[in-house]
N, C-alpha and C. Protein backbone atom coordinates (compact mmCIF):
# COMPACT_ATOMS: atom_id res chain seq x y z
N UNK A 1 -132.79 -96.27 -13.63
CA UNK A 1 -132.25 -96.90 -14.74
C UNK A 1 -130.75 -97.00 -14.77
N UNK A 2 -130.16 -95.75 -14.55
CA UNK A 2 -128.73 -95.56 -14.50
C UNK A 2 -128.01 -96.32 -13.45
N UNK A 3 -128.63 -96.38 -12.20
CA UNK A 3 -128.07 -97.15 -10.98
C UNK A 3 -128.18 -98.59 -11.36
N UNK A 4 -129.20 -99.13 -11.99
CA UNK A 4 -129.25 -100.57 -12.33
C UNK A 4 -128.20 -100.95 -13.37
N UNK A 5 -128.10 -100.04 -14.37
CA UNK A 5 -126.85 -100.32 -15.43
C UNK A 5 -125.54 -100.25 -14.60
N UNK A 6 -125.33 -99.39 -13.84
CA UNK A 6 -124.09 -99.24 -13.12
C UNK A 6 -123.81 -100.42 -12.18
N UNK A 7 -124.79 -100.90 -11.50
CA UNK A 7 -124.82 -102.07 -10.57
C UNK A 7 -124.45 -103.31 -11.46
N UNK A 8 -125.06 -103.48 -12.61
CA UNK A 8 -124.88 -104.63 -13.56
C UNK A 8 -123.49 -104.67 -13.94
N UNK A 9 -122.89 -103.49 -14.39
CA UNK A 9 -121.63 -103.31 -14.80
C UNK A 9 -120.63 -103.68 -13.77
N UNK A 10 -120.79 -103.19 -12.57
CA UNK A 10 -119.90 -103.60 -11.39
C UNK A 10 -119.87 -105.08 -11.14
N UNK A 11 -121.07 -105.72 -11.23
CA UNK A 11 -121.14 -107.17 -10.98
C UNK A 11 -120.38 -107.90 -11.97
N UNK A 12 -120.53 -107.47 -13.24
CA UNK A 12 -119.79 -108.21 -14.38
C UNK A 12 -118.31 -108.04 -14.22
N UNK A 13 -117.86 -106.83 -13.90
CA UNK A 13 -116.34 -106.52 -13.63
C UNK A 13 -115.96 -107.41 -12.52
N UNK A 14 -116.74 -107.58 -11.44
CA UNK A 14 -116.33 -108.39 -10.29
C UNK A 14 -116.10 -109.82 -10.63
N UNK A 15 -117.15 -110.39 -11.43
CA UNK A 15 -117.03 -111.71 -11.74
C UNK A 15 -115.83 -112.08 -12.70
N UNK A 16 -115.58 -111.22 -13.62
CA UNK A 16 -114.42 -111.42 -14.45
C UNK A 16 -113.10 -111.16 -13.73
N UNK A 17 -113.08 -110.53 -12.65
CA UNK A 17 -111.82 -110.28 -11.97
C UNK A 17 -111.44 -111.43 -11.06
N UNK A 18 -112.36 -112.29 -10.76
CA UNK A 18 -112.07 -113.42 -9.94
C UNK A 18 -111.26 -114.49 -10.64
N UNK A 19 -110.25 -115.06 -9.90
CA UNK A 19 -109.42 -115.97 -10.58
C UNK A 19 -109.48 -117.29 -9.89
N UNK A 20 -110.10 -118.29 -10.47
CA UNK A 20 -110.32 -119.64 -9.80
C UNK A 20 -109.03 -120.40 -9.91
N UNK A 21 -108.06 -120.03 -10.66
CA UNK A 21 -106.85 -120.83 -10.73
C UNK A 21 -105.91 -120.60 -9.62
N UNK A 22 -106.09 -119.64 -8.77
CA UNK A 22 -105.09 -119.23 -7.63
C UNK A 22 -105.25 -120.39 -6.61
N UNK A 23 -104.09 -120.97 -6.17
CA UNK A 23 -103.99 -121.94 -5.18
C UNK A 23 -103.45 -121.28 -3.93
N UNK A 24 -102.41 -120.47 -4.14
CA UNK A 24 -101.82 -119.81 -3.00
C UNK A 24 -101.14 -118.55 -3.55
N UNK A 25 -101.29 -117.40 -2.69
CA UNK A 25 -100.47 -116.18 -2.99
C UNK A 25 -100.33 -115.41 -1.63
N UNK A 26 -99.07 -115.00 -1.46
CA UNK A 26 -98.66 -114.20 -0.42
C UNK A 26 -97.62 -113.38 -0.79
N UNK A 27 -97.66 -112.10 -0.11
CA UNK A 27 -96.63 -111.06 -0.25
C UNK A 27 -96.16 -110.82 1.19
N UNK A 28 -94.78 -110.39 1.18
CA UNK A 28 -94.26 -109.88 2.39
C UNK A 28 -93.59 -108.51 2.06
N UNK A 29 -94.25 -107.47 2.62
CA UNK A 29 -93.74 -106.07 2.67
C UNK A 29 -92.29 -106.05 3.17
N UNK A 30 -91.54 -105.09 2.62
CA UNK A 30 -90.24 -104.92 3.21
C UNK A 30 -90.23 -103.50 3.85
N UNK A 31 -89.74 -103.53 5.15
CA UNK A 31 -89.65 -102.26 5.81
C UNK A 31 -88.87 -101.27 5.16
N UNK A 32 -89.32 -99.98 5.12
CA UNK A 32 -88.63 -98.79 4.57
C UNK A 32 -88.35 -98.98 3.06
N UNK A 33 -89.23 -99.83 2.40
CA UNK A 33 -89.12 -99.94 1.02
C UNK A 33 -87.65 -100.30 0.59
N UNK A 34 -87.08 -101.20 1.29
CA UNK A 34 -85.64 -101.58 0.99
C UNK A 34 -85.37 -103.06 1.45
N UNK A 35 -84.66 -103.73 0.56
CA UNK A 35 -84.34 -105.13 1.10
C UNK A 35 -82.84 -105.21 1.53
N UNK A 36 -82.52 -105.33 2.67
CA UNK A 36 -81.30 -105.50 3.23
C UNK A 36 -80.64 -106.82 2.78
N UNK A 37 -79.42 -106.88 2.61
CA UNK A 37 -78.63 -108.04 2.09
C UNK A 37 -78.77 -109.28 3.15
N UNK A 38 -78.96 -108.98 4.41
CA UNK A 38 -79.08 -110.04 5.38
C UNK A 38 -80.39 -110.51 5.56
N UNK A 39 -81.46 -109.99 5.02
CA UNK A 39 -82.84 -110.40 5.14
C UNK A 39 -83.18 -111.54 4.08
N UNK A 40 -83.75 -112.56 4.60
CA UNK A 40 -84.23 -113.75 3.76
C UNK A 40 -85.78 -113.67 3.94
N UNK A 41 -86.47 -113.64 2.82
CA UNK A 41 -87.93 -113.65 2.69
C UNK A 41 -88.31 -115.10 2.58
N UNK A 42 -89.15 -115.62 3.46
CA UNK A 42 -89.47 -116.99 3.48
C UNK A 42 -91.05 -117.12 3.35
N UNK A 43 -91.45 -118.22 2.73
CA UNK A 43 -92.79 -118.65 2.61
C UNK A 43 -92.88 -120.14 2.88
N UNK A 44 -93.94 -120.49 3.71
CA UNK A 44 -94.23 -121.97 4.00
C UNK A 44 -95.41 -122.31 3.12
N UNK A 45 -95.29 -123.20 2.18
CA UNK A 45 -96.42 -123.71 1.39
C UNK A 45 -96.50 -125.18 1.40
N UNK A 46 -97.56 -125.51 0.85
CA UNK A 46 -97.90 -127.02 0.63
C UNK A 46 -98.21 -127.32 -0.81
N UNK A 47 -97.45 -128.27 -1.37
CA UNK A 47 -97.75 -128.60 -2.72
C UNK A 47 -99.04 -129.28 -2.95
N UNK A 48 -99.97 -128.80 -3.75
CA UNK A 48 -101.34 -129.49 -3.93
C UNK A 48 -101.25 -130.77 -4.45
N UNK A 49 -102.27 -131.54 -4.35
CA UNK A 49 -102.51 -132.82 -4.91
C UNK A 49 -102.97 -132.91 -6.39
N UNK A 50 -102.35 -133.63 -7.15
CA UNK A 50 -102.73 -133.99 -8.47
C UNK A 50 -102.94 -132.87 -9.42
N UNK A 51 -102.19 -131.76 -9.41
CA UNK A 51 -102.30 -130.69 -10.11
C UNK A 51 -101.01 -130.20 -10.76
N UNK A 52 -101.09 -129.87 -11.86
CA UNK A 52 -99.90 -129.15 -12.52
C UNK A 52 -99.92 -127.70 -12.03
N UNK A 53 -98.88 -127.26 -11.27
CA UNK A 53 -98.78 -126.02 -10.81
C UNK A 53 -97.81 -125.08 -11.42
N UNK A 54 -98.29 -123.83 -11.65
CA UNK A 54 -97.43 -122.75 -12.15
C UNK A 54 -97.07 -121.95 -10.87
N UNK A 55 -95.68 -121.77 -10.67
CA UNK A 55 -95.42 -120.91 -9.50
C UNK A 55 -94.50 -119.68 -9.95
N UNK A 56 -94.82 -118.60 -9.46
CA UNK A 56 -94.13 -117.33 -9.77
C UNK A 56 -93.57 -116.53 -8.62
N UNK A 57 -92.47 -115.99 -8.75
CA UNK A 57 -91.84 -114.96 -7.89
C UNK A 57 -92.33 -113.67 -8.36
N UNK A 58 -92.86 -112.80 -7.33
CA UNK A 58 -93.36 -111.46 -7.68
C UNK A 58 -92.69 -110.40 -6.92
N UNK A 59 -91.92 -109.55 -7.53
CA UNK A 59 -91.23 -108.53 -6.91
C UNK A 59 -92.00 -107.12 -7.18
N UNK A 60 -92.40 -106.45 -6.13
CA UNK A 60 -93.05 -105.16 -6.30
C UNK A 60 -91.98 -104.11 -5.99
N UNK A 61 -91.77 -103.29 -7.04
CA UNK A 61 -90.70 -102.19 -6.89
C UNK A 61 -91.17 -100.83 -7.33
N UNK A 62 -90.27 -99.90 -7.07
CA UNK A 62 -90.62 -98.51 -7.57
C UNK A 62 -89.39 -97.94 -8.17
N UNK A 63 -89.46 -96.73 -8.69
CA UNK A 63 -88.47 -96.14 -9.41
C UNK A 63 -87.20 -95.60 -8.60
N UNK A 64 -87.23 -95.80 -7.17
CA UNK A 64 -85.95 -95.69 -6.50
C UNK A 64 -85.10 -96.74 -6.57
N UNK A 65 -85.39 -97.84 -7.33
CA UNK A 65 -84.38 -98.95 -7.42
C UNK A 65 -83.36 -98.47 -8.33
N UNK A 66 -82.08 -98.79 -8.04
CA UNK A 66 -80.91 -98.14 -8.67
C UNK A 66 -80.44 -98.99 -10.04
N UNK A 67 -80.81 -100.13 -10.11
CA UNK A 67 -80.40 -101.06 -11.20
C UNK A 67 -81.43 -101.39 -12.16
N UNK A 68 -81.08 -102.06 -13.30
CA UNK A 68 -82.08 -102.53 -14.17
C UNK A 68 -82.52 -103.85 -13.92
N UNK A 69 -81.71 -104.69 -13.17
CA UNK A 69 -82.05 -106.11 -13.01
C UNK A 69 -81.93 -106.40 -11.50
N UNK A 70 -82.33 -107.61 -11.22
CA UNK A 70 -82.35 -107.95 -9.81
C UNK A 70 -81.95 -109.43 -9.68
N UNK A 71 -80.83 -109.78 -9.00
CA UNK A 71 -80.44 -111.11 -8.84
C UNK A 71 -81.08 -111.59 -7.44
N UNK A 72 -81.63 -112.82 -7.50
CA UNK A 72 -82.43 -113.32 -6.37
C UNK A 72 -81.87 -114.79 -6.22
N UNK A 73 -81.41 -115.14 -5.09
CA UNK A 73 -81.13 -116.63 -4.74
C UNK A 73 -82.44 -117.22 -4.30
N UNK A 74 -82.73 -118.34 -4.83
CA UNK A 74 -84.06 -119.12 -4.62
C UNK A 74 -83.77 -120.48 -4.04
N UNK A 75 -84.21 -120.63 -2.81
CA UNK A 75 -83.96 -121.95 -2.14
C UNK A 75 -85.38 -122.55 -1.68
N UNK A 76 -85.30 -123.89 -2.00
CA UNK A 76 -86.49 -124.70 -1.50
C UNK A 76 -86.03 -125.73 -0.51
N UNK A 77 -86.64 -125.81 0.67
CA UNK A 77 -86.32 -126.73 1.75
C UNK A 77 -87.42 -127.59 1.95
N UNK A 78 -87.28 -128.89 2.09
CA UNK A 78 -88.32 -129.94 2.32
C UNK A 78 -88.75 -129.84 3.83
N UNK A 79 -89.61 -130.69 4.29
CA UNK A 79 -90.14 -130.54 5.62
C UNK A 79 -89.08 -130.87 6.74
N UNK A 80 -87.97 -131.54 6.17
CA UNK A 80 -86.86 -131.87 7.15
C UNK A 80 -85.72 -130.81 7.17
N UNK A 81 -86.03 -129.75 6.44
CA UNK A 81 -84.97 -128.57 6.33
C UNK A 81 -83.96 -128.75 5.28
N UNK A 82 -83.96 -129.81 4.50
CA UNK A 82 -82.92 -130.12 3.60
C UNK A 82 -83.21 -129.30 2.17
N UNK A 83 -82.07 -128.70 1.71
CA UNK A 83 -82.27 -127.82 0.57
C UNK A 83 -82.47 -128.91 -0.62
N UNK A 84 -83.55 -128.78 -1.28
CA UNK A 84 -83.79 -129.62 -2.45
C UNK A 84 -83.74 -128.79 -3.77
N UNK A 85 -83.70 -127.55 -3.85
CA UNK A 85 -83.51 -126.65 -4.88
C UNK A 85 -82.82 -125.41 -4.57
N UNK A 86 -81.71 -124.92 -5.39
CA UNK A 86 -81.05 -123.78 -5.08
C UNK A 86 -80.60 -123.13 -6.42
N UNK A 87 -81.16 -122.10 -6.74
CA UNK A 87 -80.87 -121.43 -7.94
C UNK A 87 -80.73 -120.09 -7.91
N UNK A 88 -80.02 -119.33 -8.73
CA UNK A 88 -79.95 -117.93 -8.80
C UNK A 88 -80.75 -117.46 -10.05
N UNK A 89 -81.64 -116.54 -9.73
CA UNK A 89 -82.54 -115.92 -10.74
C UNK A 89 -82.09 -114.54 -11.14
N UNK A 90 -82.24 -114.23 -12.42
CA UNK A 90 -81.93 -112.78 -12.77
C UNK A 90 -83.18 -112.32 -13.47
N UNK A 91 -83.74 -111.25 -12.88
CA UNK A 91 -84.99 -110.63 -13.33
C UNK A 91 -84.69 -109.18 -13.76
N UNK A 92 -85.13 -108.96 -14.92
CA UNK A 92 -85.06 -107.53 -15.45
C UNK A 92 -86.22 -106.72 -14.91
N UNK A 93 -85.95 -105.64 -14.15
CA UNK A 93 -87.04 -104.78 -13.56
C UNK A 93 -87.33 -103.47 -14.53
N UNK A 94 -86.21 -103.26 -15.24
CA UNK A 94 -86.27 -102.03 -16.02
C UNK A 94 -85.55 -102.39 -17.41
N UNK A 95 -86.20 -101.82 -18.45
CA UNK A 95 -85.53 -102.10 -19.72
C UNK A 95 -84.12 -101.59 -19.74
N UNK A 96 -83.09 -102.32 -20.09
CA UNK A 96 -81.61 -101.80 -20.03
C UNK A 96 -81.35 -100.76 -21.06
N UNK A 97 -82.11 -100.50 -22.10
CA UNK A 97 -81.73 -99.56 -23.05
C UNK A 97 -82.59 -98.28 -22.74
N UNK A 98 -83.96 -98.37 -22.45
CA UNK A 98 -84.81 -97.24 -22.30
C UNK A 98 -84.86 -96.82 -20.91
N UNK A 99 -84.70 -97.73 -19.99
CA UNK A 99 -84.91 -97.42 -18.53
C UNK A 99 -86.40 -97.45 -18.10
N UNK A 100 -87.34 -97.83 -19.06
CA UNK A 100 -88.64 -98.01 -18.76
C UNK A 100 -89.06 -99.12 -17.74
N UNK A 101 -89.80 -98.93 -16.85
CA UNK A 101 -90.04 -100.06 -15.99
C UNK A 101 -90.91 -101.11 -16.58
N UNK A 102 -90.58 -102.46 -16.28
CA UNK A 102 -91.14 -103.60 -16.86
C UNK A 102 -92.21 -104.17 -15.86
N UNK A 103 -93.04 -104.94 -16.40
CA UNK A 103 -93.95 -105.62 -15.29
C UNK A 103 -95.36 -104.90 -15.44
N UNK A 104 -96.14 -105.05 -14.55
CA UNK A 104 -97.50 -104.46 -14.45
C UNK A 104 -97.45 -103.27 -13.35
N UNK A 105 -98.09 -102.27 -13.62
CA UNK A 105 -98.28 -101.23 -12.47
C UNK A 105 -98.47 -99.89 -13.29
N UNK A 106 -98.56 -98.94 -12.36
CA UNK A 106 -98.90 -97.59 -12.98
C UNK A 106 -98.34 -96.57 -11.88
N UNK A 107 -97.99 -95.31 -12.33
CA UNK A 107 -97.69 -94.38 -11.41
C UNK A 107 -96.10 -94.71 -10.98
N UNK A 108 -96.02 -94.90 -9.59
CA UNK A 108 -94.70 -95.09 -9.05
C UNK A 108 -94.33 -96.53 -8.77
N UNK A 109 -95.28 -97.47 -8.77
CA UNK A 109 -95.05 -98.89 -8.31
C UNK A 109 -95.26 -99.86 -9.51
N UNK A 110 -94.54 -100.81 -9.48
CA UNK A 110 -94.72 -101.90 -10.58
C UNK A 110 -94.49 -103.32 -10.00
N UNK A 111 -94.96 -104.37 -10.61
CA UNK A 111 -94.74 -105.68 -10.06
C UNK A 111 -94.24 -106.51 -11.38
N UNK A 112 -93.12 -107.13 -11.16
CA UNK A 112 -92.59 -108.00 -12.11
C UNK A 112 -92.57 -109.40 -11.67
N UNK A 113 -92.93 -110.38 -12.60
CA UNK A 113 -92.97 -111.79 -12.16
C UNK A 113 -91.92 -112.52 -12.99
N UNK A 114 -91.52 -113.76 -12.35
CA UNK A 114 -90.65 -114.70 -13.02
C UNK A 114 -91.06 -116.09 -12.60
N UNK A 115 -91.04 -116.99 -13.56
CA UNK A 115 -91.49 -118.31 -13.25
C UNK A 115 -90.54 -119.07 -12.34
N UNK A 116 -91.00 -119.75 -11.30
CA UNK A 116 -90.04 -120.53 -10.49
C UNK A 116 -90.26 -122.08 -10.79
N UNK A 117 -89.10 -122.69 -10.86
CA UNK A 117 -89.18 -124.18 -11.13
C UNK A 117 -89.58 -125.09 -9.92
N UNK A 118 -90.78 -124.92 -9.46
CA UNK A 118 -91.27 -125.61 -8.36
C UNK A 118 -92.01 -126.80 -8.83
N UNK A 119 -91.17 -127.88 -9.11
CA UNK A 119 -91.76 -129.10 -9.67
C UNK A 119 -91.07 -130.30 -9.05
N UNK A 120 -91.69 -131.43 -9.24
CA UNK A 120 -91.12 -132.78 -8.87
C UNK A 120 -91.02 -132.90 -7.21
N UNK A 121 -92.19 -132.51 -6.68
CA UNK A 121 -92.25 -132.69 -5.38
C UNK A 121 -93.36 -133.44 -5.05
N UNK A 122 -93.41 -134.22 -3.93
CA UNK A 122 -94.42 -135.00 -3.48
C UNK A 122 -95.71 -134.22 -3.17
N UNK A 123 -96.83 -134.95 -3.55
CA UNK A 123 -98.09 -134.13 -3.19
C UNK A 123 -98.28 -133.98 -1.64
N UNK A 124 -98.77 -132.85 -1.30
CA UNK A 124 -99.09 -132.41 0.11
C UNK A 124 -97.84 -132.34 0.91
N UNK A 125 -96.66 -132.20 0.15
CA UNK A 125 -95.34 -131.91 0.83
C UNK A 125 -95.34 -130.50 1.26
N UNK A 126 -94.80 -130.41 2.52
CA UNK A 126 -94.65 -128.97 3.07
C UNK A 126 -93.34 -128.48 2.73
N UNK A 127 -93.17 -127.40 2.08
CA UNK A 127 -91.93 -126.86 1.66
C UNK A 127 -91.73 -125.38 2.26
N UNK A 128 -90.58 -124.92 2.36
CA UNK A 128 -90.13 -123.65 2.69
C UNK A 128 -89.48 -123.13 1.53
N UNK A 129 -90.00 -121.90 0.90
CA UNK A 129 -89.34 -121.27 -0.21
C UNK A 129 -88.78 -119.96 0.29
N UNK A 130 -87.47 -119.77 0.08
CA UNK A 130 -86.68 -118.56 0.59
C UNK A 130 -86.13 -117.85 -0.68
N UNK A 131 -86.13 -116.55 -0.47
CA UNK A 131 -85.60 -115.58 -1.46
C UNK A 131 -84.57 -114.63 -0.70
N UNK A 132 -83.34 -114.61 -1.38
CA UNK A 132 -82.25 -113.77 -0.79
C UNK A 132 -81.74 -112.88 -1.95
N UNK A 133 -81.65 -111.64 -1.74
CA UNK A 133 -81.17 -110.66 -2.81
C UNK A 133 -79.54 -110.91 -2.85
N UNK A 134 -79.14 -110.91 -4.07
CA UNK A 134 -77.76 -111.12 -4.47
C UNK A 134 -77.21 -110.03 -5.27
N UNK A 135 -77.49 -108.93 -4.90
CA UNK A 135 -77.03 -107.66 -5.68
C UNK A 135 -75.70 -107.10 -5.19
N UNK A 136 -75.14 -107.62 -4.16
CA UNK A 136 -74.01 -107.07 -3.52
C UNK A 136 -74.01 -105.60 -3.08
N UNK A 137 -75.32 -105.36 -2.78
CA UNK A 137 -75.45 -103.95 -2.27
C UNK A 137 -76.18 -104.18 -0.70
N UNK A 138 -75.71 -103.47 0.13
CA UNK A 138 -76.26 -103.72 1.50
C UNK A 138 -77.71 -103.47 1.66
N UNK A 139 -78.30 -102.57 0.95
CA UNK A 139 -79.67 -102.29 0.97
C UNK A 139 -80.13 -102.00 -0.49
N UNK A 140 -81.13 -102.66 -0.87
CA UNK A 140 -81.73 -102.41 -2.21
C UNK A 140 -82.94 -101.55 -2.04
N UNK A 141 -82.81 -100.22 -2.14
CA UNK A 141 -83.93 -99.22 -2.05
C UNK A 141 -84.85 -99.37 -3.24
N UNK A 142 -86.03 -99.28 -3.01
CA UNK A 142 -87.09 -99.30 -4.16
C UNK A 142 -87.72 -100.64 -4.23
N UNK A 143 -87.35 -101.74 -3.35
CA UNK A 143 -87.97 -102.92 -3.35
C UNK A 143 -89.02 -102.88 -2.32
N UNK A 144 -90.35 -103.03 -2.65
CA UNK A 144 -91.41 -102.85 -1.75
C UNK A 144 -91.83 -104.09 -1.04
N UNK A 145 -91.91 -105.07 -1.92
CA UNK A 145 -92.40 -106.41 -1.33
C UNK A 145 -91.93 -107.61 -2.31
N UNK A 146 -91.79 -108.74 -1.68
CA UNK A 146 -91.67 -110.02 -2.40
C UNK A 146 -92.76 -110.96 -2.20
N UNK A 147 -93.17 -111.61 -3.24
CA UNK A 147 -94.22 -112.42 -3.05
C UNK A 147 -94.13 -113.69 -3.96
N UNK A 148 -94.98 -114.75 -3.70
CA UNK A 148 -95.06 -115.96 -4.43
C UNK A 148 -96.48 -116.31 -4.71
N UNK A 149 -96.66 -116.79 -5.82
CA UNK A 149 -97.99 -117.10 -6.33
C UNK A 149 -97.98 -118.60 -6.96
N UNK A 150 -98.94 -119.43 -6.47
CA UNK A 150 -99.23 -120.77 -7.12
C UNK A 150 -100.49 -120.76 -7.78
N UNK A 151 -100.66 -121.23 -9.13
CA UNK A 151 -101.81 -121.23 -9.84
C UNK A 151 -101.98 -122.66 -10.47
N UNK A 152 -103.03 -123.06 -10.72
CA UNK A 152 -103.32 -124.21 -11.46
C UNK A 152 -102.81 -124.10 -12.87
N UNK A 153 -101.86 -124.94 -13.26
CA UNK A 153 -101.29 -124.90 -14.74
C UNK A 153 -102.16 -125.55 -15.63
N UNK A 154 -101.80 -125.63 -17.02
CA UNK A 154 -102.32 -126.48 -18.01
C UNK A 154 -101.87 -127.80 -17.92
N UNK A 155 -102.79 -128.83 -17.95
CA UNK A 155 -102.34 -130.04 -17.87
C UNK A 155 -101.97 -130.68 -19.12
């Protein structure tokens, strides 16, 4: 009886954990848990057809990070390599007053997200999205990975 209840509970948790809104998600781990100033993190994506898409930058970090925020240059290049979007993002990773980590996580690692303005592109257009750290520090210790996620948005 207890095994059947336990199995049913696991099945329900599994079903609720599935996210049918995800279109694309990828993370790139950074060697030595550090983001060198010369490293560009790139993702090749394709804009989906006929959907409102919510895109987010995802930074996985730990408490070895020395600052409360992170400046990231965000570049989008079309299939011809032309820059079609170039913006500087400012993400708070820690509360500036309390020093408490922001975002989701527990223990030593956390993930903070920021919305990306990935809009007004042709359907099925292949894009390269690049991220460059702009903190004027040769190595940003405590940055574990950089990711991007595309989800179906609300129409």
